[in-house]
Amino acid sequence: MRPVTAVGHRGDPYRVRENTLRSISSAVERGADAVEIDVRLTKDGVPVLLHDDTLERLWGHDRRLSDLTRAQVAELTRGGVPTLREALLTAGDKRLMLDLPGGDENSVRTIVGTVRECGAGERVYYCAGAVAMLQVRAADPAAEIALTWNSLVPPRPVLLDAVRPRWLNYRFGLVSGELTDRLHRDGLLVSAWTADTRRTMRKLIMKGVDSVTTNRVDALTDVLRKARA
């Protein structure tokens, strides 16, 4: 059995509100090897953890993050939305997988710069589609990248040459043994998201994936423990 990285999706969201410091800590406590978080910029350019472009779903305020300063976000959420710097500190020596929804050149450069300033380059890797990952590669030639790919049609060689991903990151339903074998032959690692049933987790492990992202990291770590036994 290949080593499999257990990744907590936005922390441990079935127990604790996603993309919060408590959610990160909960995922780590339950055995996550890495935690996936979503990072966006506030109006004044501070990287914070939020998947959506508004505060409505999680925090009950129909306000766009891009229209709010960091101080306003803190006031509206009672400090619930952490900064990337706080997340890096909370994760300790665990890895963080930074998803960059809506990432553009300015936000990517700011986020990558924050990681660099925090000395966290060795324990951070980035995931998103091709546009954002090209921006990451431009901002940091040494960055570790998981290119999110939503098709069984392989990425074109010119794109792979430009992004230089270490991983291809697939929705779990697209993953097959043939796919993982081919990508491994090409020198790439395979990550799958978001698997929440034990049956799906076991199937992905049997298909040879290198990483599984889940909302139920405790279930995944239990499946992995039994598979290794």
Foldseek 3Di string as FASTA:
>chain_A
DAAAAEEEEQAQCVVDPGQFLVSVLNLVVLPGLEYEFEWDAALVGFIWTDDDQACCPPQNDRDGRNDGHPVRVCVSRVNGIGTPLVNVVSNPQGAYEYEYVPDDLSNLLSVVVVCVVSVNQVRYAYEDALRNLLSNCVNPVPGAYAHEDEDPPDDDPVSCVRNVHQEHEYALVVAALVVQVVVVVVRHAYEYDDDEDLVSLVRVVVSPHRYYYYSHSNSNVVSVVVVVD
